[in-house]
Amino acid sequence: MTDDHSVDDRVPPRNGLDLSRRDTLKGGAVVAAAALTGAAPGPAAAATDVAPLPSAPRHGLRLQTTVNGTAVSVDIDTRTSLLDLLRERLALTGAKKGCDHGQCGACTVHVDGRRVASCLTLAAKLEGREVLTIEGLSEPGTLHPMQQAFIDHDALQCGYCTPGQIMAAVACVAEGNATSPERIREYMSGNICRCGAYVGIVAAIEDAAATMGRG
């Protein structure tokens, strides 16, 4: 008498085929994978058959620019934004990615002394130009007057927008637009603080403008 557990686990023959349960499952897995990838069923591809990501940008160029006083030469994709260049390639993460549409100001940096939204600025346009970020605003171990004013007037809360606020505020003073609270609010309107620290921000800019000698 044969033990039920010793019976061969074969699928009953059908149309002359004699397949084991393991063969059946293996075939089903191959068909399912082919359906997901759009490929014709065939031998399972090895993991090494996956095409590697390109090591170099498909549409690339060599960019030579200056960032925070340091010459930079880097290969970039022509579609790379200044914000992504700073954060992903140069590890300068002070400029924040907020809206990525130029509407919040969290990514504000200076290019040739003028404030720009780095998320909307193509890195390819920086050839031979000078970029200043929050990391290069002051000497190591010291604070820029605007940074100190933001601390003194508690002009921040979560701090996410603060680097962009400070860079825009420095530009506001340099542009001669820090002459009154109303004018400061107008020329800082492109920088959003979701925590609502606007009263402290305006006070900080007024204070720093006097220290910086411009306004």
N, C-alpha and C. Protein backbone atom coordinates (compact mmCIF):
# COMPACT_ATOMS: atom_id res chain seq x y z
N MET A 1 0.86 -1.21 0.00
CA MET A 1 0.00 0.00 0.00
C MET A 1 0.88 1.23 0.00
N THR A 2 0.54 2.16 -0.84
CA THR A 2 1.39 3.35 -1.00
C THR A 2 0.94 4.46 -0.08
N ASP A 3 1.92 5.06 0.62
CA ASP A 3 1.63 6.22 1.49
C ASP A 3 1.24 7.41 0.63
N ASP A 4 0.15 8.14 1.00
CA ASP A 4 -0.30 9.29 0.20
C ASP A 4 0.78 10.33 0.06
N HIS A 5 1.64 10.49 1.07
CA HIS A 5 2.65 11.55 1.04
C HIS A 5 3.82 11.21 0.13
N SER A 6 3.90 9.95 -0.31
CA SER A 6 5.02 9.56 -1.18
C SER A 6 4.66 9.62 -2.65
N VAL A 7 3.40 9.95 -2.92
CA VAL A 7 2.97 10.02 -4.31
C VAL A 7 3.70 11.15 -5.02
N ASP A 8 4.17 10.92 -6.23
CA ASP A 8 4.86 11.94 -7.02
C ASP A 8 3.93 13.12 -7.26
N ASP A 9 4.47 14.37 -7.02
CA ASP A 9 3.63 15.57 -7.11
C ASP A 9 3.55 16.06 -8.55
N ARG A 10 3.09 15.23 -9.40
CA ARG A 10 2.99 15.63 -10.79
C ARG A 10 1.55 16.01 -11.13
N VAL A 11 1.43 17.03 -11.98
CA VAL A 11 0.11 17.41 -12.45
C VAL A 11 -0.41 16.30 -13.35
N PRO A 12 -1.65 15.91 -13.23
CA PRO A 12 -2.18 14.84 -14.07
C PRO A 12 -1.92 15.13 -15.54
N PRO A 13 -1.51 14.12 -16.30
CA PRO A 13 -1.22 14.32 -17.73
C PRO A 13 -2.41 14.92 -18.44
N ARG A 14 -2.14 15.88 -19.31
CA ARG A 14 -3.18 16.52 -20.09
C ARG A 14 -2.64 16.79 -21.47
N ASN A 15 -3.33 16.32 -22.50
CA ASN A 15 -2.90 16.48 -23.88
C ASN A 15 -1.49 15.96 -24.10
N GLY A 16 -1.17 14.90 -23.43
CA GLY A 16 0.10 14.27 -23.67
C GLY A 16 1.26 14.90 -22.93
N LEU A 17 1.04 15.91 -22.15
CA LEU A 17 2.11 16.57 -21.42
C LEU A 17 2.17 16.04 -20.01
N ASP A 18 3.38 15.88 -19.50
CA ASP A 18 3.55 15.38 -18.14
C ASP A 18 4.46 16.34 -17.41
N LEU A 19 3.90 17.37 -16.76
CA LEU A 19 4.67 18.43 -16.14
C LEU A 19 4.59 18.32 -14.63
N SER A 20 5.72 18.59 -13.98
CA SER A 20 5.70 18.64 -12.53
C SER A 20 5.12 19.95 -12.05
N ARG A 21 4.70 19.98 -10.79
CA ARG A 21 4.18 21.22 -10.23
C ARG A 21 5.22 22.33 -10.28
N ARG A 22 6.47 22.00 -10.06
CA ARG A 22 7.55 22.98 -10.10
C ARG A 22 7.69 23.57 -11.50
N ASP A 23 7.62 22.72 -12.55
CA ASP A 23 7.70 23.21 -13.93
C ASP A 23 6.55 24.16 -14.23
N THR A 24 5.37 23.78 -13.74
CA THR A 24 4.20 24.62 -13.99
C THR A 24 4.34 26.00 -13.37
N LEU A 25 4.80 26.04 -12.12
CA LEU A 25 4.97 27.33 -11.44
C LEU A 25 6.04 28.16 -12.11
N LYS A 26 7.12 27.50 -12.51
CA LYS A 26 8.21 28.24 -13.17
C LYS A 26 7.74 28.85 -14.48
N GLY A 27 6.99 28.09 -15.25
CA GLY A 27 6.49 28.61 -16.52
C GLY A 27 5.54 29.78 -16.30
N GLY A 28 4.68 29.67 -15.27
CA GLY A 28 3.77 30.77 -14.99
C GLY A 28 4.48 32.04 -14.61
N ALA A 29 5.56 31.91 -13.85
CA ALA A 29 6.32 33.09 -13.45
C ALA A 29 6.95 33.77 -14.64
N VAL A 30 7.45 32.99 -15.59
CA VAL A 30 8.07 33.57 -16.79
C VAL A 30 7.05 34.32 -17.61
N VAL A 31 5.85 33.72 -17.78
CA VAL A 31 4.80 34.38 -18.56
C VAL A 31 4.36 35.67 -17.89
N ALA A 32 4.21 35.65 -16.55
CA ALA A 32 3.79 36.86 -15.83
C ALA A 32 4.82 37.96 -15.98
N ALA A 33 6.10 37.62 -15.87
CA ALA A 33 7.15 38.63 -16.01
C ALA A 33 7.16 39.20 -17.41
N ALA A 34 6.94 38.34 -18.41
CA ALA A 34 6.92 38.83 -19.79
C ALA A 34 5.75 39.77 -20.02
N ALA A 35 4.61 39.47 -19.39
CA ALA A 35 3.44 40.34 -19.54
C ALA A 35 3.69 41.71 -18.94
N LEU A 36 4.41 41.77 -17.82
CA LEU A 36 4.68 43.06 -17.17
C LEU A 36 5.67 43.87 -17.96
N THR A 37 6.64 43.24 -18.57
CA THR A 37 7.70 43.97 -19.28
C THR A 37 7.40 44.18 -20.75
N GLY A 38 6.39 43.45 -21.26
CA GLY A 38 6.07 43.58 -22.67
C GLY A 38 6.97 42.73 -23.55
N ALA A 39 7.79 41.87 -22.95
CA ALA A 39 8.68 41.04 -23.72
C ALA A 39 8.03 39.71 -24.00
N ALA A 40 8.49 39.04 -25.05
CA ALA A 40 7.96 37.72 -25.37
C ALA A 40 8.47 36.73 -24.36
N PRO A 41 7.65 35.73 -23.98
CA PRO A 41 8.10 34.73 -23.03
C PRO A 41 9.34 34.03 -23.54
N GLY A 42 10.24 33.75 -22.66
CA GLY A 42 11.47 33.08 -23.03
C GLY A 42 12.24 32.75 -21.79
N PRO A 43 13.49 32.33 -21.91
CA PRO A 43 14.30 32.00 -20.73
C PRO A 43 14.42 33.20 -19.83
N ALA A 44 14.33 32.97 -18.52
CA ALA A 44 14.43 34.07 -17.54
C ALA A 44 15.77 34.76 -17.69
N ALA A 45 15.74 36.10 -17.75
CA ALA A 45 16.98 36.87 -17.90
C ALA A 45 17.69 36.96 -16.57
N ALA A 46 18.99 36.87 -16.61
CA ALA A 46 19.79 37.00 -15.39
C ALA A 46 19.82 38.44 -14.95
N ALA A 47 20.08 38.66 -13.66
CA ALA A 47 20.12 40.03 -13.12
C ALA A 47 21.19 40.85 -13.82
N THR A 48 22.23 40.20 -14.30
CA THR A 48 23.31 40.94 -14.95
C THR A 48 22.92 41.43 -16.33
N ASP A 49 21.75 40.97 -16.86
CA ASP A 49 21.32 41.40 -18.19
C ASP A 49 20.70 42.78 -18.18
N VAL A 50 20.40 43.33 -16.98
CA VAL A 50 19.79 44.66 -16.88
C VAL A 50 20.79 45.71 -17.33
N ALA A 51 20.35 46.58 -18.23
CA ALA A 51 21.25 47.61 -18.75
C ALA A 51 21.61 48.61 -17.65
N PRO A 52 22.88 48.93 -17.46
CA PRO A 52 23.28 49.89 -16.42
C PRO A 52 22.88 51.30 -16.80
N LEU A 53 22.70 52.14 -15.80
CA LEU A 53 22.42 53.54 -16.05
C LEU A 53 23.62 54.19 -16.72
N PRO A 54 23.40 55.16 -17.61
CA PRO A 54 24.53 55.81 -18.25
C PRO A 54 25.42 56.52 -17.24
N SER A 55 26.72 56.37 -17.37
CA SER A 55 27.66 56.96 -16.43
C SER A 55 27.89 58.43 -16.71
N ALA A 56 27.61 58.87 -17.92
CA ALA A 56 27.83 60.27 -18.28
C ALA A 56 26.52 60.84 -18.81
N PRO A 57 26.28 62.15 -18.63
CA PRO A 57 25.05 62.77 -19.14
C PRO A 57 24.92 62.58 -20.64
N ARG A 58 23.71 62.25 -21.09
CA ARG A 58 23.50 62.07 -22.52
C ARG A 58 23.63 63.39 -23.27
N HIS A 59 23.14 64.46 -22.64
CA HIS A 59 23.25 65.79 -23.24
C HIS A 59 24.13 66.63 -22.32
N GLY A 60 25.40 66.40 -22.33
CA GLY A 60 26.28 67.00 -21.33
C GLY A 60 27.18 68.08 -21.86
N LEU A 61 27.73 68.82 -20.91
CA LEU A 61 28.75 69.82 -21.21
C LEU A 61 29.62 70.01 -19.98
N ARG A 62 30.77 70.56 -20.19
CA ARG A 62 31.67 70.88 -19.10
C ARG A 62 31.43 72.34 -18.68
N LEU A 63 31.00 72.53 -17.44
CA LEU A 63 30.71 73.86 -16.92
C LEU A 63 31.87 74.35 -16.07
N GLN A 64 32.28 75.57 -16.32
CA GLN A 64 33.32 76.20 -15.51
C GLN A 64 32.75 77.49 -14.95
N THR A 65 32.63 77.53 -13.64
CA THR A 65 32.04 78.67 -12.97
C THR A 65 32.73 78.88 -11.64
N THR A 66 32.26 79.86 -10.87
CA THR A 66 32.81 80.12 -9.54
C THR A 66 31.67 80.08 -8.54
N VAL A 67 31.84 79.29 -7.51
CA VAL A 67 30.82 79.16 -6.46
C VAL A 67 31.46 79.50 -5.12
N ASN A 68 30.94 80.53 -4.49
CA ASN A 68 31.46 80.97 -3.18
C ASN A 68 32.97 81.21 -3.22
N GLY A 69 33.41 81.82 -4.33
CA GLY A 69 34.82 82.19 -4.47
C GLY A 69 35.74 81.06 -4.91
N THR A 70 35.21 79.88 -5.15
CA THR A 70 36.01 78.73 -5.55
C THR A 70 35.68 78.35 -6.99
N ALA A 71 36.73 78.19 -7.80
CA ALA A 71 36.52 77.78 -9.19
C ALA A 71 35.99 76.36 -9.22
N VAL A 72 34.98 76.14 -10.05
CA VAL A 72 34.34 74.83 -10.17
C VAL A 72 34.33 74.43 -11.64
N SER A 73 34.75 73.21 -11.91
CA SER A 73 34.67 72.63 -13.24
C SER A 73 33.98 71.29 -13.11
N VAL A 74 32.83 71.13 -13.76
CA VAL A 74 32.03 69.93 -13.55
C VAL A 74 31.26 69.60 -14.83
N ASP A 75 31.13 68.30 -15.10
CA ASP A 75 30.33 67.84 -16.23
C ASP A 75 28.88 67.77 -15.79
N ILE A 76 28.00 68.40 -16.55
CA ILE A 76 26.58 68.43 -16.19
C ILE A 76 25.72 68.08 -17.38
N ASP A 77 24.50 67.68 -17.10
CA ASP A 77 23.48 67.56 -18.13
C ASP A 77 22.99 68.97 -18.43
N THR A 78 22.76 69.26 -19.69
CA THR A 78 22.35 70.62 -20.06
C THR A 78 21.01 71.01 -19.46
N ARG A 79 20.24 70.03 -18.97
CA ARG A 79 18.93 70.32 -18.39
C ARG A 79 18.99 70.52 -16.88
N THR A 80 20.18 70.44 -16.29
CA THR A 80 20.32 70.54 -14.84
C THR A 80 20.06 71.97 -14.36
N SER A 81 19.29 72.10 -13.30
CA SER A 81 19.06 73.42 -12.72
C SER A 81 20.21 73.79 -11.79
N LEU A 82 20.35 75.08 -11.55
CA LEU A 82 21.37 75.53 -10.61
C LEU A 82 21.13 74.93 -9.23
N LEU A 83 19.88 74.83 -8.83
CA LEU A 83 19.57 74.26 -7.51
C LEU A 83 20.05 72.82 -7.41
N ASP A 84 19.79 72.02 -8.43
CA ASP A 84 20.22 70.62 -8.39
C ASP A 84 21.74 70.51 -8.47
N LEU A 85 22.38 71.39 -9.22
CA LEU A 85 23.83 71.39 -9.26
C LEU A 85 24.41 71.65 -7.87
N LEU A 86 23.86 72.67 -7.20
CA LEU A 86 24.36 73.01 -5.86
C LEU A 86 24.13 71.87 -4.88
N ARG A 87 22.93 71.34 -4.86
CA ARG A 87 22.57 70.36 -3.84
C ARG A 87 23.11 68.96 -4.15
N GLU A 88 22.93 68.51 -5.39
CA GLU A 88 23.24 67.12 -5.72
C GLU A 88 24.69 66.91 -6.15
N ARG A 89 25.31 67.91 -6.75
CA ARG A 89 26.66 67.71 -7.26
C ARG A 89 27.72 68.37 -6.38
N LEU A 90 27.40 69.52 -5.78
CA LEU A 90 28.39 70.26 -5.00
C LEU A 90 28.15 70.16 -3.50
N ALA A 91 27.12 69.46 -3.09
CA ALA A 91 26.81 69.24 -1.66
C ALA A 91 26.62 70.55 -0.90
N LEU A 92 26.12 71.57 -1.57
CA LEU A 92 25.77 72.84 -0.92
C LEU A 92 24.25 72.84 -0.75
N THR A 93 23.80 72.41 0.41
CA THR A 93 22.37 72.16 0.63
C THR A 93 21.65 73.31 1.34
N GLY A 94 22.32 74.47 1.46
CA GLY A 94 21.66 75.60 2.10
C GLY A 94 20.44 76.06 1.33
N ALA A 95 20.58 76.19 0.02
CA ALA A 95 19.42 76.53 -0.82
C ALA A 95 18.47 75.35 -0.81
N LYS A 96 17.21 75.61 -0.48
CA LYS A 96 16.24 74.54 -0.30
C LYS A 96 15.33 74.39 -1.52
N LYS A 97 14.91 73.15 -1.74
CA LYS A 97 13.93 72.88 -2.80
C LYS A 97 12.55 72.91 -2.16
N GLY A 98 11.83 74.00 -2.40
CA GLY A 98 10.51 74.15 -1.83
C GLY A 98 9.45 73.80 -2.85
N CYS A 99 9.08 74.76 -3.71
CA CYS A 99 8.04 74.52 -4.71
C CYS A 99 8.62 73.98 -6.01
N ASP A 100 9.90 74.28 -6.27
CA ASP A 100 10.57 73.90 -7.52
C ASP A 100 9.92 74.56 -8.73
N HIS A 101 9.19 75.65 -8.50
CA HIS A 101 8.54 76.40 -9.58
C HIS A 101 8.81 77.90 -9.48
N GLY A 102 9.78 78.30 -8.66
CA GLY A 102 10.13 79.71 -8.56
C GLY A 102 9.13 80.57 -7.84
N GLN A 103 8.28 79.97 -7.00
CA GLN A 103 7.21 80.73 -6.36
C GLN A 103 7.39 80.93 -4.86
N CYS A 104 8.34 80.20 -4.24
CA CYS A 104 8.44 80.30 -2.78
C CYS A 104 9.71 81.01 -2.31
N GLY A 105 10.75 81.05 -3.14
CA GLY A 105 11.97 81.76 -2.78
C GLY A 105 12.93 81.01 -1.89
N ALA A 106 12.61 79.76 -1.52
CA ALA A 106 13.49 79.01 -0.62
C ALA A 106 14.84 78.69 -1.24
N CYS A 107 14.92 78.74 -2.57
CA CYS A 107 16.16 78.40 -3.27
C CYS A 107 16.97 79.62 -3.70
N THR A 108 16.66 80.79 -3.16
CA THR A 108 17.31 82.03 -3.60
C THR A 108 18.81 82.01 -3.36
N VAL A 109 19.57 82.33 -4.40
CA VAL A 109 21.02 82.53 -4.32
C VAL A 109 21.34 83.77 -5.15
N HIS A 110 22.61 84.16 -5.15
CA HIS A 110 23.04 85.30 -5.95
C HIS A 110 23.88 84.82 -7.13
N VAL A 111 23.64 85.41 -8.29
CA VAL A 111 24.47 85.17 -9.47
C VAL A 111 24.95 86.53 -9.95
N ASP A 112 26.27 86.71 -9.92
CA ASP A 112 26.87 88.00 -10.25
C ASP A 112 26.24 89.14 -9.44
N GLY A 113 25.96 88.87 -8.17
CA GLY A 113 25.46 89.89 -7.27
C GLY A 113 23.96 90.11 -7.30
N ARG A 114 23.25 89.38 -8.16
CA ARG A 114 21.80 89.54 -8.25
C ARG A 114 21.11 88.28 -7.77
N ARG A 115 20.01 88.46 -7.06
CA ARG A 115 19.29 87.29 -6.54
C ARG A 115 18.53 86.60 -7.67
N VAL A 116 18.54 85.27 -7.62
CA VAL A 116 17.81 84.47 -8.60
C VAL A 116 17.16 83.29 -7.88
N ALA A 117 16.12 82.77 -8.49
CA ALA A 117 15.52 81.52 -8.03
C ALA A 117 16.32 80.40 -8.70
N SER A 118 17.11 79.70 -7.92
CA SER A 118 18.02 78.72 -8.52
C SER A 118 17.29 77.53 -9.13
N CYS A 119 16.05 77.29 -8.71
CA CYS A 119 15.31 76.16 -9.29
C CYS A 119 14.90 76.45 -10.73
N LEU A 120 14.85 77.72 -11.11
CA LEU A 120 14.46 78.10 -12.47
C LEU A 120 15.65 78.53 -13.31
N THR A 121 16.84 78.46 -12.76
CA THR A 121 18.04 78.90 -13.47
C THR A 121 18.81 77.69 -13.98
N LEU A 122 19.03 77.62 -15.27
CA LEU A 122 19.80 76.52 -15.83
C LEU A 122 21.26 76.66 -15.43
N ALA A 123 21.82 75.59 -14.95
CA ALA A 123 23.23 75.61 -14.56
C ALA A 123 24.11 75.93 -15.76
N ALA A 124 23.69 75.54 -16.95
CA ALA A 124 24.48 75.78 -18.16
C ALA A 124 24.69 77.27 -18.43
N LYS A 125 23.83 78.12 -17.88
CA LYS A 125 23.94 79.57 -18.10
C LYS A 125 24.99 80.21 -17.19
N LEU A 126 25.61 79.43 -16.33
CA LEU A 126 26.53 79.99 -15.34
C LEU A 126 27.98 80.00 -15.80
N GLU A 127 28.23 79.64 -17.04
CA GLU A 127 29.60 79.61 -17.54
C GLU A 127 30.29 80.96 -17.32
N GLY A 128 31.39 80.93 -16.57
CA GLY A 128 32.18 82.13 -16.32
C GLY A 128 31.55 83.12 -15.35
N ARG A 129 30.48 82.73 -14.66
CA ARG A 129 29.80 83.65 -13.75
C ARG A 129 30.09 83.27 -12.31
N GLU A 130 29.67 84.14 -11.38
CA GLU A 130 29.94 83.92 -9.95
C GLU A 130 28.63 83.67 -9.20
N VAL A 131 28.64 82.59 -8.45
CA VAL A 131 27.46 82.20 -7.67
C VAL A 131 27.80 82.34 -6.19
N LEU A 132 26.88 82.92 -5.45
CA LEU A 132 27.04 83.05 -4.00
C LEU A 132 25.84 82.39 -3.33
N THR A 133 26.12 81.46 -2.41
CA THR A 133 25.07 80.80 -1.65
C THR A 133 25.20 81.18 -0.18
N ILE A 134 24.26 80.73 0.62
CA ILE A 134 24.28 81.04 2.05
C ILE A 134 25.57 80.54 2.70
N GLU A 135 26.14 79.44 2.16
CA GLU A 135 27.37 78.90 2.73
C GLU A 135 28.56 79.84 2.56
N GLY A 136 28.51 80.70 1.55
CA GLY A 136 29.63 81.60 1.29
C GLY A 136 29.36 83.03 1.67
N LEU A 137 28.24 83.27 2.36
CA LEU A 137 27.85 84.65 2.67
C LEU A 137 28.79 85.31 3.67
N SER A 138 29.37 84.53 4.58
CA SER A 138 30.28 85.09 5.59
C SER A 138 31.50 84.21 5.71
N GLU A 139 32.51 84.73 6.38
CA GLU A 139 33.73 83.96 6.62
C GLU A 139 33.46 82.88 7.67
N PRO A 140 34.18 81.77 7.60
CA PRO A 140 33.99 80.72 8.61
C PRO A 140 34.18 81.26 10.03
N GLY A 141 33.26 80.91 10.92
CA GLY A 141 33.35 81.34 12.30
C GLY A 141 32.73 82.69 12.58
N THR A 142 32.22 83.35 11.54
CA THR A 142 31.58 84.65 11.72
C THR A 142 30.19 84.62 11.10
N LEU A 143 29.39 85.64 11.41
CA LEU A 143 28.06 85.76 10.84
C LEU A 143 27.96 87.05 10.05
N HIS A 144 27.26 86.99 8.94
CA HIS A 144 26.94 88.20 8.18
C HIS A 144 25.96 89.02 9.03
N PRO A 145 26.00 90.36 8.93
CA PRO A 145 25.06 91.19 9.70
C PRO A 145 23.60 90.76 9.53
N MET A 146 23.23 90.29 8.34
CA MET A 146 21.85 89.86 8.12
C MET A 146 21.57 88.57 8.88
N GLN A 147 22.52 87.67 8.91
CA GLN A 147 22.33 86.44 9.68
C GLN A 147 22.17 86.76 11.17
N GLN A 148 22.99 87.65 11.67
CA GLN A 148 22.91 88.03 13.07
C GLN A 148 21.58 88.72 13.38
N ALA A 149 21.12 89.55 12.46
CA ALA A 149 19.86 90.26 12.66
C ALA A 149 18.68 89.28 12.69
N PHE A 150 18.72 88.25 11.87
CA PHE A 150 17.66 87.25 11.88
C PHE A 150 17.61 86.54 13.23
N ILE A 151 18.78 86.30 13.81
CA ILE A 151 18.83 85.67 15.13
C ILE A 151 18.30 86.63 16.20
N ASP A 152 18.77 87.88 16.15
CA ASP A 152 18.40 88.87 17.17
C ASP A 152 16.90 89.14 17.18
N HIS A 153 16.28 89.11 16.00
CA HIS A 153 14.85 89.44 15.90
C HIS A 153 13.96 88.20 15.78
N ASP A 154 14.53 87.04 16.04
CA ASP A 154 13.77 85.79 16.00
C ASP A 154 12.97 85.70 14.70
N ALA A 155 13.67 85.96 13.59
CA ALA A 155 13.01 86.05 12.29
C ALA A 155 12.91 84.69 11.59
N LEU A 156 12.75 83.65 12.36
CA LEU A 156 12.62 82.31 11.79
C LEU A 156 11.88 81.44 12.78
N GLN A 157 11.36 80.33 12.24
CA GLN A 157 10.74 79.36 13.14
C GLN A 157 11.25 77.98 12.76
N CYS A 158 10.71 77.36 11.72
CA CYS A 158 11.23 76.03 11.34
C CYS A 158 12.59 76.15 10.68
N GLY A 159 12.86 77.28 10.04
CA GLY A 159 14.18 77.52 9.44
C GLY A 159 14.33 77.05 8.01
N TYR A 160 13.32 76.38 7.45
CA TYR A 160 13.47 75.83 6.10
C TYR A 160 13.66 76.93 5.06
N CYS A 161 12.90 78.01 5.17
CA CYS A 161 12.99 79.09 4.18
C CYS A 161 14.08 80.10 4.52
N THR A 162 14.71 79.98 5.69
CA THR A 162 15.60 81.02 6.18
C THR A 162 16.80 81.30 5.27
N PRO A 163 17.51 80.30 4.74
CA PRO A 163 18.62 80.63 3.84
C PRO A 163 18.18 81.48 2.65
N GLY A 164 17.06 81.12 2.04
CA GLY A 164 16.55 81.91 0.92
C GLY A 164 16.11 83.29 1.35
N GLN A 165 15.49 83.39 2.54
CA GLN A 165 15.07 84.69 3.07
C GLN A 165 16.28 85.60 3.28
N ILE A 166 17.34 85.03 3.85
CA ILE A 166 18.53 85.84 4.13
C ILE A 166 19.19 86.30 2.84
N MET A 167 19.33 85.40 1.85
CA MET A 167 19.94 85.80 0.59
C MET A 167 19.11 86.87 -0.12
N ALA A 168 17.79 86.74 -0.07
CA ALA A 168 16.94 87.75 -0.67
C ALA A 168 17.02 89.05 0.11
N ALA A 169 17.12 88.96 1.44
CA ALA A 169 17.20 90.16 2.28
C ALA A 169 18.49 90.93 2.03
N VAL A 170 19.60 90.22 1.87
CA VAL A 170 20.87 90.88 1.55
C VAL A 170 20.77 91.61 0.22
N ALA A 171 20.12 90.97 -0.75
CA ALA A 171 19.93 91.61 -2.05
C ALA A 171 18.99 92.81 -1.94
N CYS A 172 17.97 92.68 -1.11
CA CYS A 172 17.03 93.79 -0.92
C CYS A 172 17.74 95.04 -0.42
N VAL A 173 18.65 94.84 0.52
CA VAL A 173 19.43 95.97 1.05
C VAL A 173 20.36 96.51 -0.02
N ALA A 174 21.06 95.62 -0.72
CA ALA A 174 22.02 96.04 -1.75
C ALA A 174 21.33 96.79 -2.89
N GLU A 175 20.09 96.43 -3.15
CA GLU A 175 19.34 97.09 -4.22
C GLU A 175 18.79 98.45 -3.80
N GLY A 176 18.92 98.80 -2.51
CA GLY A 176 18.40 100.06 -2.02
C GLY A 176 16.91 100.03 -1.74
N ASN A 177 16.38 98.82 -1.50
CA ASN A 177 14.94 98.69 -1.30
C ASN A 177 14.54 98.42 0.15
N ALA A 178 15.46 98.68 1.08
CA ALA A 178 15.15 98.46 2.49
C ALA A 178 14.94 99.79 3.21
N THR A 179 14.24 100.70 2.57
CA THR A 179 14.09 102.05 3.11
C THR A 179 12.86 102.22 4.01
N SER A 180 11.94 101.26 3.99
CA SER A 180 10.75 101.34 4.83
C SER A 180 10.17 99.93 4.96
N PRO A 181 9.38 99.70 6.03
CA PRO A 181 8.74 98.39 6.18
C PRO A 181 7.88 98.01 4.97
N GLU A 182 7.18 99.00 4.42
CA GLU A 182 6.32 98.73 3.27
C GLU A 182 7.14 98.32 2.06
N ARG A 183 8.25 99.01 1.84
CA ARG A 183 9.08 98.69 0.68
C ARG A 183 9.77 97.33 0.87
N ILE A 184 10.18 97.05 2.09
CA ILE A 184 10.80 95.75 2.38
C ILE A 184 9.80 94.63 2.09
N ARG A 185 8.57 94.79 2.56
CA ARG A 185 7.57 93.76 2.32
C ARG A 185 7.33 93.56 0.83
N GLU A 186 7.33 94.66 0.08
CA GLU A 186 7.09 94.55 -1.36
C GLU A 186 8.22 93.78 -2.04
N TYR A 187 9.46 94.12 -1.70
CA TYR A 187 10.60 93.51 -2.40
C TYR A 187 11.02 92.18 -1.79
N MET A 188 10.37 91.75 -0.72
CA MET A 188 10.59 90.41 -0.17
C MET A 188 9.38 89.52 -0.41
N SER A 189 8.43 89.99 -1.21
CA SER A 189 7.18 89.25 -1.39
C SER A 189 7.38 87.93 -2.13
N GLY A 190 8.48 87.77 -2.81
CA GLY A 190 8.74 86.52 -3.51
C GLY A 190 9.25 85.41 -2.62
N ASN A 191 9.47 85.73 -1.35
CA ASN A 191 9.97 84.73 -0.39
C ASN A 191 8.88 84.43 0.63
N ILE A 192 8.39 83.21 0.63
CA ILE A 192 7.28 82.82 1.49
C ILE A 192 7.80 82.16 2.76
N CYS A 193 7.24 82.58 3.89
CA CYS A 193 7.52 81.92 5.17
C CYS A 193 6.23 81.28 5.64
N ARG A 194 6.17 79.97 5.57
CA ARG A 194 4.94 79.28 5.94
C ARG A 194 4.68 79.32 7.44
N CYS A 195 5.71 79.64 8.21
CA CYS A 195 5.54 79.77 9.66
C CYS A 195 5.01 81.16 10.04
N GLY A 196 5.04 82.10 9.10
CA GLY A 196 4.50 83.43 9.36
C GLY A 196 5.40 84.33 10.19
N ALA A 197 6.73 84.21 10.00
CA ALA A 197 7.66 85.04 10.79
C ALA A 197 7.94 86.38 10.12
N TYR A 198 6.99 86.91 9.41
CA TYR A 198 7.22 88.11 8.60
C TYR A 198 7.56 89.35 9.43
N VAL A 199 6.94 89.50 10.59
CA VAL A 199 7.23 90.68 11.43
C VAL A 199 8.70 90.69 11.82
N GLY A 200 9.22 89.55 12.26
CA GLY A 200 10.63 89.47 12.62
C GLY A 200 11.54 89.64 11.43
N ILE A 201 11.13 89.15 10.27
CA ILE A 201 11.95 89.27 9.06
C ILE A 201 12.10 90.74 8.67
N VAL A 202 11.00 91.47 8.67
CA VAL A 202 11.06 92.89 8.31
C VAL A 202 11.94 93.64 9.31
N ALA A 203 11.76 93.36 10.61
CA ALA A 203 12.58 94.03 11.62
C ALA A 203 14.05 93.69 11.46
N ALA A 204 14.36 92.47 11.12
CA ALA A 204 15.74 92.06 10.93
C ALA A 204 16.38 92.78 9.76
N ILE A 205 15.62 92.93 8.68
CA ILE A 205 16.16 93.60 7.50
C ILE A 205 16.40 95.07 7.79
N GLU A 206 15.48 95.72 8.50
CA GLU A 206 15.67 97.12 8.87
C GLU A 206 16.93 97.28 9.73
N ASP A 207 17.11 96.37 10.68
CA ASP A 207 18.28 96.42 11.56
C ASP A 207 19.55 96.21 10.77
N ALA A 208 19.58 95.17 9.94
CA ALA A 208 20.79 94.86 9.18
C ALA A 208 21.12 95.94 8.16
N ALA A 209 20.08 96.58 7.61
CA ALA A 209 20.32 97.63 6.62
C ALA A 209 21.11 98.77 7.24
N ALA A 210 20.80 99.11 8.48
CA ALA A 210 21.55 100.16 9.17
C ALA A 210 22.99 99.73 9.42
N THR A 211 23.17 98.45 9.78
CA THR A 211 24.52 97.94 10.04
C THR A 211 25.32 97.86 8.75
N MET A 212 24.67 97.48 7.66
CA MET A 212 25.35 97.33 6.37
C MET A 212 25.58 98.67 5.70
N GLY A 213 24.94 99.71 6.22
CA GLY A 213 25.18 101.05 5.67
C GLY A 213 24.47 101.32 4.38
N ARG A 214 23.47 100.48 4.02
CA ARG A 214 22.73 100.71 2.80
C ARG A 214 21.25 100.47 3.09
N GLY A 215 20.38 101.10 2.30
CA GLY A 215 18.97 100.92 2.53
C GLY A 215 18.20 102.00 1.84
